[in-house]
């Protein structure tokens, strides 16, 4: 292995130091570029967050509408059930009155169920 002279070694060291002197500027440029890209990414995330907030608001509106529909169905079901119950009771009373009028005022005996023919 050949040994270098002192002058060669100093020259190599000077070249290395000269190259290193540009390093702070290169790092600063890299840092500016990286920060700029991160700012762009942050701005994009802010846009995405805003879109998600709008979507969340729409879902909340849909949830509110479904809740209103569920309440309305529940209320109408209760009203329908009450109306059906009233009509049922009215029908039973009419049947009872019809039997009483048909039999001269006495309640009729319960009917026997029909028998099915054997196969």
PDB file of N, CA and C in Angstrom:
ATOM      1  N   UNK A   1       0.841  -1.160   0.000  1.00  0.00           N
ATOM      2  CA  UNK A   1       0.000   0.000   0.000  1.00  0.00           C
ATOM      3  C   UNK A   1       0.900   1.242   0.000  1.00  0.00           C
ATOM      4  N   UNK A   2       0.606   2.106  -0.918  1.00  0.00           N
ATOM      5  CA  UNK A   2       1.446   3.297  -1.053  1.00  0.00           C
ATOM      6  C   UNK A   2       1.019   4.337  -0.045  1.00  0.00           C
ATOM      7  N   UNK A   3       1.982   4.933   0.580  1.00  0.00           N
ATOM      8  CA  UNK A   3       1.676   5.979   1.538  1.00  0.00           C
ATOM      9  C   UNK A   3       1.669   7.307   0.821  1.00  0.00           C
ATOM     10  N   UNK A   4       0.802   8.170   1.271  1.00  0.00           N
ATOM     11  CA  UNK A   4       0.666   9.479   0.651  1.00  0.00           C
ATOM     12  C   UNK A   4       1.581  10.481   1.361  1.00  0.00           C
ATOM     13  N   UNK A   5       1.919  11.423   0.608  1.00  0.00           N
ATOM     14  CA  UNK A   5       2.747  12.487   1.181  1.00  0.00           C
ATOM     15  C   UNK A   5       1.853  13.407   1.988  1.00  0.00           C
ATOM     16  N   UNK A   6       2.467  14.194   2.776  1.00  0.00           N
ATOM     17  CA  UNK A   6       1.732  15.133   3.612  1.00  0.00           C
ATOM     18  C   UNK A   6       0.959  16.120   2.745  1.00  0.00           C
ATOM     19  N   UNK A   7       1.557  16.536   1.669  1.00  0.00           N
ATOM     20  CA  UNK A   7       0.882  17.476   0.774  1.00  0.00           C
ATOM     21  C   UNK A   7      -0.376  16.858   0.176  1.00  0.00           C
ATOM     22  N   UNK A   8      -0.356  15.592  -0.230  1.00  0.00           N
ATOM     23  CA  UNK A   8      -1.517  14.892  -0.796  1.00  0.00           C
ATOM     24  C   UNK A   8      -2.620  14.774   0.266  1.00  0.00           C
ATOM     25  N   UNK A   9      -2.188  14.455   1.462  1.00  0.00           N
ATOM     26  CA  UNK A   9      -3.183  14.308   2.536  1.00  0.00           C
ATOM     27  C   UNK A   9      -3.856  15.636   2.836  1.00  0.00           C
ATOM     28  N   UNK A  10      -3.093  16.709   2.853  1.00  0.00           N
ATOM     29  CA  UNK A  10      -3.661  18.039   3.107  1.00  0.00           C
ATOM     30  C   UNK A  10      -4.605  18.420   1.973  1.00  0.00           C
ATOM     31  N   UNK A  11      -4.239  18.120   0.752  1.00  0.00           N
ATOM     32  CA  UNK A  11      -5.090  18.432  -0.393  1.00  0.00           C
ATOM     33  C   UNK A  11      -6.413  17.684  -0.293  1.00  0.00           C
ATOM     34  N   UNK A  12      -6.364  16.418   0.045  1.00  0.00           N
ATOM     35  CA  UNK A  12      -7.590  15.609   0.200  1.00  0.00           C
ATOM     36  C   UNK A  12      -8.450  16.200   1.312  1.00  0.00           C
ATOM     37  N   UNK A  13      -7.850  16.565   2.414  1.00  0.00           N
ATOM     38  CA  UNK A  13      -8.595  17.142   3.538  1.00  0.00           C
ATOM     39  C   UNK A  13      -9.212  18.484   3.141  1.00  0.00           C
ATOM     40  N   UNK A  14      -8.508  19.281   2.392  1.00  0.00           N
ATOM     41  CA  UNK A  14      -9.056  20.560   1.938  1.00  0.00           C
ATOM     42  C   UNK A  14     -10.270  20.344   1.031  1.00  0.00           C
ATOM     43  N   UNK A  15     -10.212  19.338   0.164  1.00  0.00           N
ATOM     44  CA  UNK A  15     -11.345  19.025  -0.719  1.00  0.00           C
ATOM     45  C   UNK A  15     -12.555  18.567   0.098  1.00  0.00           C
ATOM     46  N   UNK A  16     -12.293  17.751   1.100  1.00  0.00           N
ATOM     47  CA  UNK A  16     -13.377  17.263   1.952  1.00  0.00           C
ATOM     48  C   UNK A  16     -14.015  18.430   2.702  1.00  0.00           C
ATOM     49  N   UNK A  17     -13.194  19.315   3.264  1.00  0.00           N
ATOM     50  CA  UNK A  17     -13.697  20.476   4.000  1.00  0.00           C
ATOM     51  C   UNK A  17     -14.463  21.394   3.063  1.00  0.00           C
ATOM     52  N   UNK A  18     -14.000  21.575   1.858  1.00  0.00           N
ATOM     53  CA  UNK A  18     -14.692  22.421   0.885  1.00  0.00           C
ATOM     54  C   UNK A  18     -16.075  21.832   0.575  1.00  0.00           C
ATOM     55  N   UNK A  19     -16.139  20.528   0.436  1.00  0.00           N
ATOM     56  CA  UNK A  19     -17.430  19.859   0.193  1.00  0.00           C
ATOM     57  C   UNK A  19     -18.359  19.981   1.382  1.00  0.00           C
ATOM     58  N   UNK A  20     -17.792  19.913   2.580  1.00  0.00           N
ATOM     59  CA  UNK A  20     -18.606  20.018   3.794  1.00  0.00           C
ATOM     60  C   UNK A  20     -19.118  21.438   4.018  1.00  0.00           C
ATOM     61  N   UNK A  21     -18.433  22.419   3.476  1.00  0.00           N
ATOM     62  CA  UNK A  21     -18.862  23.798   3.662  1.00  0.00           C
ATOM     63  C   UNK A  21     -20.192  24.072   2.953  1.00  0.00           C
ATOM     64  N   UNK A  22     -20.518  23.342   1.918  1.00  0.00           N
ATOM     65  CA  UNK A  22     -21.799  23.520   1.216  1.00  0.00           C
ATOM     66  C   UNK A  22     -22.931  22.761   1.915  1.00  0.00           C
ATOM     67  N   UNK A  23     -22.544  21.889   2.810  1.00  0.00           N
ATOM     68  CA  UNK A  23     -23.551  21.042   3.481  1.00  0.00           C
ATOM     69  C   UNK A  23     -24.604  21.840   4.249  1.00  0.00           C
ATOM     70  N   UNK A  24     -24.285  22.871   5.046  1.00  0.00           N
ATOM     71  CA  UNK A  24     -25.330  23.615   5.752  1.00  0.00           C
ATOM     72  C   UNK A  24     -26.356  24.233   4.804  1.00  0.00           C
ATOM     73  N   UNK A  25     -25.893  24.764   3.673  1.00  0.00           N
ATOM     74  CA  UNK A  25     -26.830  25.328   2.698  1.00  0.00           C
ATOM     75  C   UNK A  25     -27.733  24.254   2.101  1.00  0.00           C
ATOM     76  N   UNK A  26     -27.149  23.104   1.794  1.00  0.00           N
ATOM     77  CA  UNK A  26     -27.939  21.993   1.242  1.00  0.00           C
ATOM     78  C   UNK A  26     -28.966  21.494   2.257  1.00  0.00           C
ATOM     79  N   UNK A  27     -28.539  21.399   3.518  1.00  0.00           N
ATOM     80  CA  UNK A  27     -29.480  20.963   4.567  1.00  0.00           C
ATOM     81  C   UNK A  27     -30.605  21.975   4.753  1.00  0.00           C
ATOM     82  N   UNK A  28     -30.256  23.260   4.700  1.00  0.00           N
ATOM     83  CA  UNK A  28     -31.289  24.292   4.841  1.00  0.00           C
ATOM     84  C   UNK A  28     -32.279  24.216   3.682  1.00  0.00           C
ATOM     85  N   UNK A  29     -31.786  24.000   2.461  1.00  0.00           N
ATOM     86  CA  UNK A  29     -32.668  23.870   1.297  1.00  0.00           C
ATOM     87  C   UNK A  29     -33.558  22.634   1.442  1.00  0.00           C
ATOM     88  N   UNK A  30     -32.961  21.542   1.894  1.00  0.00           N
ATOM     89  CA  UNK A  30     -33.743  20.316   2.099  1.00  0.00           C
ATOM     90  C   UNK A  30     -34.820  20.540   3.157  1.00  0.00           C
ATOM     91  N   UNK A  31     -34.445  21.222   4.239  1.00  0.00           N
ATOM     92  CA  UNK A  31     -35.399  21.496   5.310  1.00  0.00           C
ATOM     93  C   UNK A  31     -36.558  22.360   4.788  1.00  0.00           C
ATOM     94  N   UNK A  32     -36.250  23.385   3.996  1.00  0.00           N
ATOM     95  CA  UNK A  32     -37.310  24.237   3.423  1.00  0.00           C
ATOM     96  C   UNK A  32     -38.238  23.426   2.528  1.00  0.00           C
ATOM     97  N   UNK A  33     -37.658  22.561   1.696  1.00  0.00           N
ATOM     98  CA  UNK A  33     -38.475  21.727   0.799  1.00  0.00           C
ATOM     99  C   UNK A  33     -39.347  20.750   1.605  1.00  0.00           C
ATOM    100  N   UNK A  34     -38.751  20.134   2.608  1.00  0.00           N
ATOM    101  CA  UNK A  34     -39.513  19.192   3.439  1.00  0.00           C
ATOM    102  C   UNK A  34     -40.632  19.918   4.181  1.00  0.00           C
ATOM    103  N   UNK A  35     -40.332  21.086   4.747  1.00  0.00           N
ATOM    104  CA  UNK A  35     -41.368  21.865   5.445  1.00  0.00           C
ATOM    105  C   UNK A  35     -42.482  22.276   4.500  1.00  0.00           C
ATOM    106  N   UNK A  36     -42.104  22.658   3.286  1.00  0.00           N
ATOM    107  CA  UNK A  36     -43.110  23.045   2.295  1.00  0.00           C
ATOM    108  C   UNK A  36     -44.020  21.865   1.977  1.00  0.00           C
ATOM    109  N   UNK A  37     -43.451  20.705   1.804  1.00  0.00           N
ATOM    110  CA  UNK A  37     -44.261  19.512   1.509  1.00  0.00           C
ATOM    111  C   UNK A  37     -45.150  19.137   2.698  1.00  0.00           C
ATOM    112  N   UNK A  38     -44.597  19.243   3.904  1.00  0.00           N
ATOM    113  CA  UNK A  38     -45.415  18.954   5.091  1.00  0.00           C
ATOM    114  C   UNK A  38     -46.573  19.950   5.213  1.00  0.00           C
ATOM    115  N   UNK A  39     -46.327  21.205   4.869  1.00  0.00           N
ATOM    116  CA  UNK A  39     -47.407  22.198   4.901  1.00  0.00           C
ATOM    117  C   UNK A  39     -48.493  21.844   3.882  1.00  0.00           C
ATOM    118  N   UNK A  40     -48.071  21.369   2.698  1.00  0.00           N
ATOM    119  CA  UNK A  40     -49.048  20.936   1.697  1.00  0.00           C
ATOM    120  C   UNK A  40     -49.861  19.745   2.207  1.00  0.00           C
ATOM    121  N   UNK A  41     -49.160  18.826   2.845  1.00  0.00           N
ATOM    122  CA  UNK A  41     -49.852  17.649   3.395  1.00  0.00           C
ATOM    123  C   UNK A  41     -50.810  18.072   4.500  1.00  0.00           C
ATOM    124  N   UNK A  42     -50.364  18.974   5.370  1.00  0.00           N
ATOM    125  CA  UNK A  42     -51.241  19.478   6.436  1.00  0.00           C
ATOM    126  C   UNK A  42     -52.476  20.156   5.856  1.00  0.00           C
ATOM    127  N   UNK A  43     -52.273  20.960   4.796  1.00  0.00           N
ATOM    128  CA  UNK A  43     -53.413  21.635   4.162  1.00  0.00           C
ATOM    129  C   UNK A  43     -54.368  20.605   3.575  1.00  0.00           C
ATOM    130  N   UNK A  44     -53.836  19.562   2.984  1.00  0.00           N
ATOM    131  CA  UNK A  44     -54.684  18.498   2.418  1.00  0.00           C
ATOM    132  C   UNK A  44     -55.461  17.789   3.525  1.00  0.00           C
ATOM    133  N   UNK A  45     -54.796  17.513   4.636  1.00  0.00           N
ATOM    134  CA  UNK A  45     -55.494  16.886   5.768  1.00  0.00           C
ATOM    135  C   UNK A  45     -56.597  17.797   6.300  1.00  0.00           C
ATOM    136  N   UNK A  46     -56.330  19.105   6.328  1.00  0.00           N
ATOM    137  CA  UNK A  46     -57.372  20.049   6.757  1.00  0.00           C
ATOM    138  C   UNK A  46     -58.577  19.981   5.824  1.00  0.00           C
ATOM    139  N   UNK A  47     -58.329  19.873   4.523  1.00  0.00           N
ATOM    140  CA  UNK A  47     -59.436  19.736   3.565  1.00  0.00           C
ATOM    141  C   UNK A  47     -60.203  18.445   3.810  1.00  0.00           C
ATOM    142  N   UNK A  48     -59.476  17.372   4.039  1.00  0.00           N
ATOM    143  CA  UNK A  48     -60.121  16.074   4.283  1.00  0.00           C
ATOM    144  C   UNK A  48     -60.921  16.126   5.583  1.00  0.00           C
ATOM    145  N   UNK A  49     -60.356  16.746   6.619  1.00  0.00           N
ATOM    146  CA  UNK A  49     -61.087  16.894   7.886  1.00  0.00           C
ATOM    147  C   UNK A  49     -62.379  17.675   7.681  1.00  0.00           C
ATOM    148  N   UNK A  50     -62.318  18.731   6.887  1.00  0.00           N
ATOM    149  CA  UNK A  50     -63.515  19.534   6.616  1.00  0.00           C
ATOM    150  C   UNK A  50     -64.558  18.695   5.885  1.00  0.00           C
ATOM    151  N   UNK A  51     -64.117  17.878   4.938  1.00  0.00           N
ATOM    152  CA  UNK A  51     -65.063  17.006   4.222  1.00  0.00           C
ATOM    153  C   UNK A  51     -65.693  15.996   5.176  1.00  0.00           C
ATOM    154  N   UNK A  52     -64.886  15.423   6.063  1.00  0.00           N
ATOM    155  CA  UNK A  52     -65.434  14.467   7.029  1.00  0.00           C
ATOM    156  C   UNK A  52     -66.446  15.144   7.954  1.00  0.00           C
ATOM    157  N   UNK A  53     -66.162  16.365   8.337  1.00  0.00           N
ATOM    158  CA  UNK A  53     -67.105  17.091   9.190  1.00  0.00           C
ATOM    159  C   UNK A  53     -68.427  17.310   8.464  1.00  0.00           C
ATOM    160  N   UNK A  54     -68.364  17.627   7.151  1.00  0.00           N
ATOM    161  CA  UNK A  54     -69.596  17.790   6.372  1.00  0.00           C
ATOM    162  C   UNK A  54     -70.346  16.463   6.269  1.00  0.00           C
ATOM    163  N   UNK A  55     -69.601  15.383   6.062  1.00  0.00           N
ATOM    164  CA  UNK A  55     -70.231  14.059   5.980  1.00  0.00           C
ATOM    165  C   UNK A  55     -70.859  13.704   7.325  1.00  0.00           C
ATOM    166  N   UNK A  56     -70.142  13.975   8.418  1.00  0.00           N
ATOM    167  CA  UNK A  56     -70.695  13.706   9.752  1.00  0.00           C
ATOM    168  C   UNK A  56     -71.974  14.500   9.982  1.00  0.00           C
ATOM    169  N   UNK A  57     -71.984  15.764   9.528  1.00  0.00           N
ATOM    170  CA  UNK A  57     -73.190  16.586   9.679  1.00  0.00           C
ATOM    171  C   UNK A  57     -74.348  15.986   8.884  1.00  0.00           C
ATOM    172  N   UNK A  58     -74.059  15.496   7.678  1.00  0.00           N
ATOM    173  CA  UNK A  58     -75.110  14.866   6.864  1.00  0.00           C
ATOM    174  C   UNK A  58     -75.640  13.608   7.554  1.00  0.00           C
ATOM    175  N   UNK A  59     -74.734  12.802   8.117  1.00  0.00           N
ATOM    176  CA  UNK A  59     -75.171  11.604   8.829  1.00  0.00           C
ATOM    177  C   UNK A  59     -76.031  11.976  10.029  1.00  0.00           C
ATOM    178  N   UNK A  60     -75.671  13.046  10.710  1.00  0.00           N
ATOM    179  CA  UNK A  60     -76.471  13.489  11.852  1.00  0.00           C
ATOM    180  C   UNK A  60     -77.858  13.904  11.385  1.00  0.00           C
ATOM    181  N   UNK A  61     -77.927  14.597  10.249  1.00  0.00           N
ATOM    182  CA  UNK A  61     -79.234  14.971   9.699  1.00  0.00           C
ATOM    183  C   UNK A  61     -80.055  13.723   9.371  1.00  0.00           C
ATOM    184  N   UNK A  62     -79.391  12.726   8.781  1.00  0.00           N
ATOM    185  CA  UNK A  62     -80.094  11.480   8.449  1.00  0.00           C
ATOM    186  C   UNK A  62     -80.575  10.785   9.731  1.00  0.00           C
ATOM    187  N   UNK A  63     -79.720  10.744  10.755  1.00  0.00           N
ATOM    188  CA  UNK A  63     -80.117  10.137  12.024  1.00  0.00           C
ATOM    189  C   UNK A  63     -81.326  10.857  12.609  1.00  0.00           C
ATOM    190  N   UNK A  64     -81.318  12.192  12.550  1.00  0.00           N
ATOM    191  CA  UNK A  64     -82.451  12.961  13.071  1.00  0.00           C
ATOM    192  C   UNK A  64     -83.725  12.644  12.301  1.00  0.00           C
ATOM    193  N   UNK A  65     -83.608  12.543  10.976  1.00  0.00           N
ATOM    194  CA  UNK A  65     -84.788  12.221  10.167  1.00  0.00           C
ATOM    195  C   UNK A  65     -85.314  10.822  10.487  1.00  0.00           C
ATOM    196  N   UNK A  66     -84.406   9.860  10.610  1.00  0.00           N
ATOM    197  CA  UNK A  66     -84.841   8.501  10.949  1.00  0.00           C
ATOM    198  C   UNK A  66     -85.501   8.463  12.319  1.00  0.00           C
ATOM    199  N   UNK A  67     -84.984   9.225  13.257  1.00  0.00           N
ATOM    200  CA  UNK A  67     -85.595   9.277  14.586  1.00  0.00           C
ATOM    201  C   UNK A  67     -87.008   9.831  14.498  1.00  0.00           C
ATOM    202  N   UNK A  68     -87.193  10.881  13.681  1.00  0.00           N
ATOM    203  CA  UNK A  68     -88.535  11.444  13.508  1.00  0.00           C
ATOM    204  C   UNK A  68     -89.474  10.414  12.887  1.00  0.00           C
ATOM    205  N   UNK A  69     -88.977   9.700  11.884  1.00  0.00           N
ATOM    206  CA  UNK A  69     -89.807   8.679  11.229  1.00  0.00           C
ATOM    207  C   UNK A  69     -90.166   7.575  12.222  1.00  0.00           C
ATOM    208  N   UNK A  70     -89.191   7.142  13.019  1.00  0.00           N
ATOM    209  CA  UNK A  70     -89.460   6.102  14.017  1.00  0.00           C
ATOM    210  C   UNK A  70     -90.505   6.558  15.031  1.00  0.00           C
ATOM    211  N   UNK A  71     -90.391   7.815  15.499  1.00  0.00           N
ATOM    212  CA  UNK A  71     -91.382   8.336  16.447  1.00  0.00           C
ATOM    213  C   UNK A  71     -92.760   8.385  15.809  1.00  0.00           C
ATOM    214  N   UNK A  72     -92.807   8.839  14.565  1.00  0.00           N
ATOM    215  CA  UNK A  72     -94.094   8.944  13.870  1.00  0.00           C
ATOM    216  C   UNK A  72     -94.718   7.562  13.684  1.00  0.00           C
ATOM    217  N   UNK A  73     -93.919   6.599  13.276  1.00  0.00           N
ATOM    218  CA  UNK A  73     -94.428   5.233  13.102  1.00  0.00           C
ATOM    219  C   UNK A  73     -94.930   4.695  14.439  1.00  0.00           C
ATOM    220  N   UNK A  74     -94.170   4.935  15.500  1.00  0.00           N
ATOM    221  CA  UNK A  74     -94.570   4.459  16.816  1.00  0.00           C
ATOM    222  C   UNK A  74     -95.890   5.086  17.244  1.00  0.00           C
ATOM    223  N   UNK A  75     -95.998   6.409  17.067  1.00  0.00           N
ATOM    224  CA  UNK A  75     -97.236   7.099  17.448  1.00  0.00           C
ATOM    225  C   UNK A  75     -98.405   6.614  16.608  1.00  0.00           C
ATOM    226  N   UNK A  76     -98.183   6.476  15.305  1.00  0.00           N
ATOM    227  CA  UNK A  76     -99.269   6.030  14.435  1.00  0.00           C
ATOM    228  C   UNK A  76     -99.640   4.581  14.715  1.00  0.00           C
ATOM    229  N   UNK A  77     -98.652   3.761  15.092  1.00  0.00           N
ATOM    230  CA  UNK A  77     -98.950   2.371  15.436  1.00  0.00           C
ATOM    231  C   UNK A  77     -99.838   2.314  16.680  1.00  0.00           C
ATOM    232  N   UNK A  78     -99.511   3.155  17.660  1.00  0.00           N
ATOM    233  CA  UNK A  78    -100.338   3.186  18.870  1.00  0.00           C
ATOM    234  C   UNK A  78    -101.746   3.657  18.553  1.00  0.00           C
ATOM    235  N   UNK A  79    -101.865   4.672  17.697  1.00  0.00           N
ATOM    236  CA  UNK A  79    -103.182   5.166  17.311  1.00  0.00           C
ATOM    237  C   UNK A  79    -103.939   4.105  16.523  1.00  0.00           C
ATOM    238  N   UNK A  80    -103.235   3.424  15.624  1.00  0.00           N
ATOM    239  CA  UNK A  80    -103.871   2.366  14.833  1.00  0.00           C
ATOM    240  C   UNK A  80    -104.326   1.231  15.735  1.00  0.00           C
ATOM    241  N   UNK A  81    -103.484   0.838  16.683  1.00  0.00           N
ATOM    242  CA  UNK A  81    -103.859  -0.231  17.600  1.00  0.00           C
ATOM    243  C   UNK A  81    -105.096   0.175  18.414  1.00  0.00           C
ATOM    244  N   UNK A  82    -105.131   1.412  18.896  1.00  0.00           N
ATOM    245  CA  UNK A  82    -106.287   1.879  19.668  1.00  0.00           C
ATOM    246  C   UNK A  82    -107.542   1.858  18.806  1.00  0.00           C
ATOM    247  N   UNK A  83    -107.416   2.284  17.558  1.00  0.00           N
ATOM    248  CA  UNK A  83    -108.573   2.280  16.631  1.00  0.00           C
ATOM    249  C   UNK A  83    -109.019   0.852  16.352  1.00  0.00           C
ATOM    250  N   UNK A  84    -108.075  -0.049  16.130  1.00  0.00           N
ATOM    251  CA  UNK A  84    -108.429  -1.456  15.882  1.00  0.00           C
ATOM    252  C   UNK A  84    -109.126  -2.060  17.106  1.00  0.00           C
ATOM    253  N   UNK A  85    -108.610  -1.753  18.276  1.00  0.00           N
ATOM    254  CA  UNK A  85    -109.205  -2.284  19.506  1.00  0.00           C
ATOM    255  C   UNK A  85    -110.634  -1.764  19.662  1.00  0.00           C
ATOM    256  N   UNK A  86    -110.857  -0.472  19.386  1.00  0.00           N
ATOM    257  CA  UNK A  86    -112.189   0.106  19.483  1.00  0.00           C
ATOM    258  C   UNK A  86    -113.136  -0.564  18.470  1.00  0.00           C
ATOM    259  N   UNK A  87    -112.661  -0.759  17.227  1.00  0.00           N
ATOM    260  CA  UNK A  87    -113.494  -1.409  16.215  1.00  0.00           C
ATOM    261  C   UNK A  87    -113.794  -2.853  16.599  1.00  0.00           C
ATOM    262  N   UNK A  88    -112.830  -3.519  17.173  1.00  0.00           N
ATOM    263  CA  UNK A  88    -113.035  -4.898  17.615  1.00  0.00           C
ATOM    264  C   UNK A  88    -114.123  -4.962  18.691  1.00  0.00           C
ATOM    265  N   UNK A  89    -114.001  -4.085  19.665  1.00  0.00           N
ATOM    266  CA  UNK A  89    -115.009  -4.063  20.730  1.00  0.00           C
ATOM    267  C   UNK A  89    -116.380  -3.697  20.180  1.00  0.00           C
ATOM    268  N   UNK A  90    -116.416  -2.759  19.227  1.00  0.00           N
ATOM    269  CA  UNK A  90    -117.685  -2.378  18.611  1.00  0.00           C
ATOM    270  C   UNK A  90    -118.278  -3.557  17.852  1.00  0.00           C
ATOM    271  N   UNK A  91    -117.449  -4.322  17.144  1.00  0.00           N
ATOM    272  CA  UNK A  91    -117.929  -5.502  16.421  1.00  0.00           C
ATOM    273  C   UNK A  91    -118.470  -6.549  17.384  1.00  0.00           C
ATOM    274  N   UNK A  92    -117.770  -6.771  18.474  1.00  0.00           N
ATOM    275  CA  UNK A  92    -118.248  -7.750  19.469  1.00  0.00           C
ATOM    276  C   UNK A  92    -119.600  -7.308  20.017  1.00  0.00           C
ATOM    277  N   UNK A  93    -119.755  -6.032  20.316  1.00  0.00           N
ATOM    278  CA  UNK A  93    -121.046  -5.526  20.807  1.00  0.00           C
ATOM    279  C   UNK A  93    -122.137  -5.697  19.760  1.00  0.00           C
ATOM    280  N   UNK A  94    -121.849  -5.423  18.509  1.00  0.00           N
ATOM    281  CA  UNK A  94    -122.855  -5.592  17.448  1.00  0.00           C
ATOM    282  C   UNK A  94    -123.246  -7.056  17.300  1.00  0.00           C
ATOM    283  N   UNK A  95    -122.272  -7.937  17.368  1.00  0.00           N
ATOM    284  CA  UNK A  95    -122.578  -9.370  17.276  1.00  0.00           C
ATOM    285  C   UNK A  95    -123.450  -9.771  18.456  1.00  0.00           C
ATOM    286  N   UNK A  96    -123.097  -9.308  19.642  1.00  0.00           N
ATOM    287  CA  UNK A  96    -123.875  -9.630  20.837  1.00  0.00           C
ATOM    288  C   UNK A  96    -125.302  -9.091  20.699  1.00  0.00           C
ATOM    289  N   UNK A  97    -125.440  -7.855  20.238  1.00  0.00           N
ATOM    290  CA  UNK A  97    -126.773  -7.261  20.070  1.00  0.00           C
ATOM    291  C   UNK A  97    -127.545  -8.027  19.000  1.00  0.00           C
ATOM    292  N   UNK A  98    -126.883  -8.415  17.921  1.00  0.00           N
ATOM    293  CA  UNK A  98    -127.538  -9.183  16.857  1.00  0.00           C
ATOM    294  C   UNK A  98    -128.037 -10.520  17.361  1.00  0.00           C
ATOM    295  N   UNK A  99    -127.268 -11.196  18.152  1.00  0.00           N
ATOM    296  CA  UNK A  99    -127.698 -12.489  18.713  1.00  0.00           C
ATOM    297  C   UNK A  99    -128.875 -12.294  19.658  1.00  0.00           C
ATOM    298  N   UNK A 100    -128.776 -11.266  20.474  1.00  0.00           N
ATOM    299  CA  UNK A 100    -129.858 -11.033  21.436  1.00  0.00           C
ATOM    300  C   UNK A 100    -131.157 -10.694  20.715  1.00  0.00           C
ATOM    301  N   UNK A 101    -131.077  -9.882  19.654  1.00  0.00           N
ATOM    302  CA  UNK A 101    -132.278  -9.523  18.907  1.00  0.00           C
ATOM    303  C   UNK A 101    -132.820 -10.723  18.149  1.00  0.00           C
ATOM    304  N   UNK A 102    -131.976 -11.568  17.629  1.00  0.00           N
ATOM    305  CA  UNK A 102    -132.398 -12.738  16.862  1.00  0.00           C
ATOM    306  C   UNK A 102    -133.034 -13.803  17.735  1.00  0.00           C
ATOM    307  N   UNK A 103    -132.673 -13.902  18.975  1.00  0.00           N
ATOM    308  CA  UNK A 103    -133.180 -14.942  19.870  1.00  0.00           C
ATOM    309  C   UNK A 103    -134.236 -14.409  20.812  1.00  0.00           C
ATOM    310  N   UNK A 104    -134.741 -13.278  20.560  1.00  0.00           N
ATOM    311  CA  UNK A 104    -135.745 -12.729  21.456  1.00  0.00           C
ATOM    312  C   UNK A 104    -135.155 -12.201  22.737  1.00  0.00           C
ATOM    313  N   UNK A 105    -133.936 -11.763  22.700  1.00  0.00           N
ATOM    314  CA  UNK A 105    -133.360 -11.137  23.872  1.00  0.00           C
ATOM    315  C   UNK A 105    -132.489 -12.050  24.693  1.00  0.00           C
ATOM    316  N   UNK A 106    -132.480 -13.332  24.404  1.00  0.00           N
ATOM    317  CA  UNK A 106    -131.636 -14.244  25.177  1.00  0.00           C
ATOM    318  C   UNK A 106    -130.345 -14.511  24.405  1.00  0.00           C
ATOM    319  N   UNK A 107    -129.259 -14.594  25.106  1.00  0.00           N
ATOM    320  CA  UNK A 107    -128.008 -14.881  24.420  1.00  0.00           C
ATOM    321  C   UNK A 107    -128.057 -16.280  23.802  1.00  0.00           C
ATOM    322  N   UNK A 108    -127.471 -16.401  22.641  1.00  0.00           N
ATOM    323  CA  UNK A 108    -127.461 -17.692  21.947  1.00  0.00           C
ATOM    324  C   UNK A 108    -126.390 -18.591  22.549  1.00  0.00           C
ATOM    325  N   UNK A 109    -126.615 -19.901  22.416  1.00  0.00           N
ATOM    326  CA  UNK A 109    -125.642 -20.881  22.885  1.00  0.00           C
ATOM    327  C   UNK A 109    -124.453 -20.863  21.933  1.00  0.00           C
ATOM    328  N   UNK A 110    -123.292 -21.156  22.436  1.00  0.00           N
ATOM    329  CA  UNK A 110    -122.126 -21.150  21.562  1.00  0.00           C
ATOM    330  C   UNK A 110    -122.260 -22.216  20.472  1.00  0.00           C
ATOM    331  N   UNK A 111    -121.768 -21.923  19.303  1.00  0.00           N
ATOM    332  CA  UNK A 111    -121.864 -22.835  18.177  1.00  0.00           C
ATOM    333  C   UNK A 111    -120.842 -23.949  18.320  1.00  0.00           C
ATOM    334  N   UNK A 112    -121.195 -25.107  17.808  1.00  0.00           N
ATOM    335  CA  UNK A 112    -120.286 -26.250  17.787  1.00  0.00           C
ATOM    336  C   UNK A 112    -119.361 -26.102  16.573  1.00  0.00           C
ATOM    337  N   UNK A 113    -118.104 -26.398  16.744  1.00  0.00           N
ATOM    338  CA  UNK A 113    -117.208 -26.301  15.596  1.00  0.00           C
ATOM    339  C   UNK A 113    -117.549 -27.354  14.550  1.00  0.00           C
ATOM    340  N   UNK A 114    -117.359 -27.025  13.296  1.00  0.00           N
ATOM    341  CA  UNK A 114    -117.608 -27.966  12.210  1.00  0.00           C
ATOM    342  C   UNK A 114    -116.547 -29.044  12.216  1.00  0.00           C
ATOM    343  N   UNK A 115    -116.987 -30.227  11.867  1.00  0.00           N
ATOM    344  CA  UNK A 115    -116.015 -31.324  11.745  1.00  0.00           C
ATOM    345  C   UNK A 115    -115.574 -31.425  10.306  1.00  0.00           C
ATOM    346  N   UNK A 116    -114.331 -31.689  10.152  1.00  0.00           N
ATOM    347  CA  UNK A 116    -113.794 -31.866   8.806  1.00  0.00           C
ATOM    348  C   UNK A 116    -114.071 -33.299   8.372  1.00  0.00           C
ATOM    349  N   UNK A 117    -114.356 -33.454   7.107  1.00  0.00           N
ATOM    350  CA  UNK A 117    -114.558 -34.842   6.637  1.00  0.00           C
ATOM    351  C   UNK A 117    -113.247 -35.613   6.678  1.00  0.00           C
ATOM    352  N   UNK A 118    -113.336 -36.893   6.970  1.00  0.00           N
ATOM    353  CA  UNK A 118    -112.138 -37.733   7.007  1.00  0.00           C
ATOM    354  C   UNK A 118    -111.673 -38.052   5.593  1.00  0.00           C
ATOM    355  N   UNK A 119    -110.446 -38.159   5.457  1.00  0.00           N
ATOM    356  CA  UNK A 119    -109.877 -38.457   4.129  1.00  0.00           C
ATOM    357  C   UNK A 119    -109.533 -39.884   3.988  1.00  0.00           C
TER     358      UNK A 119
END
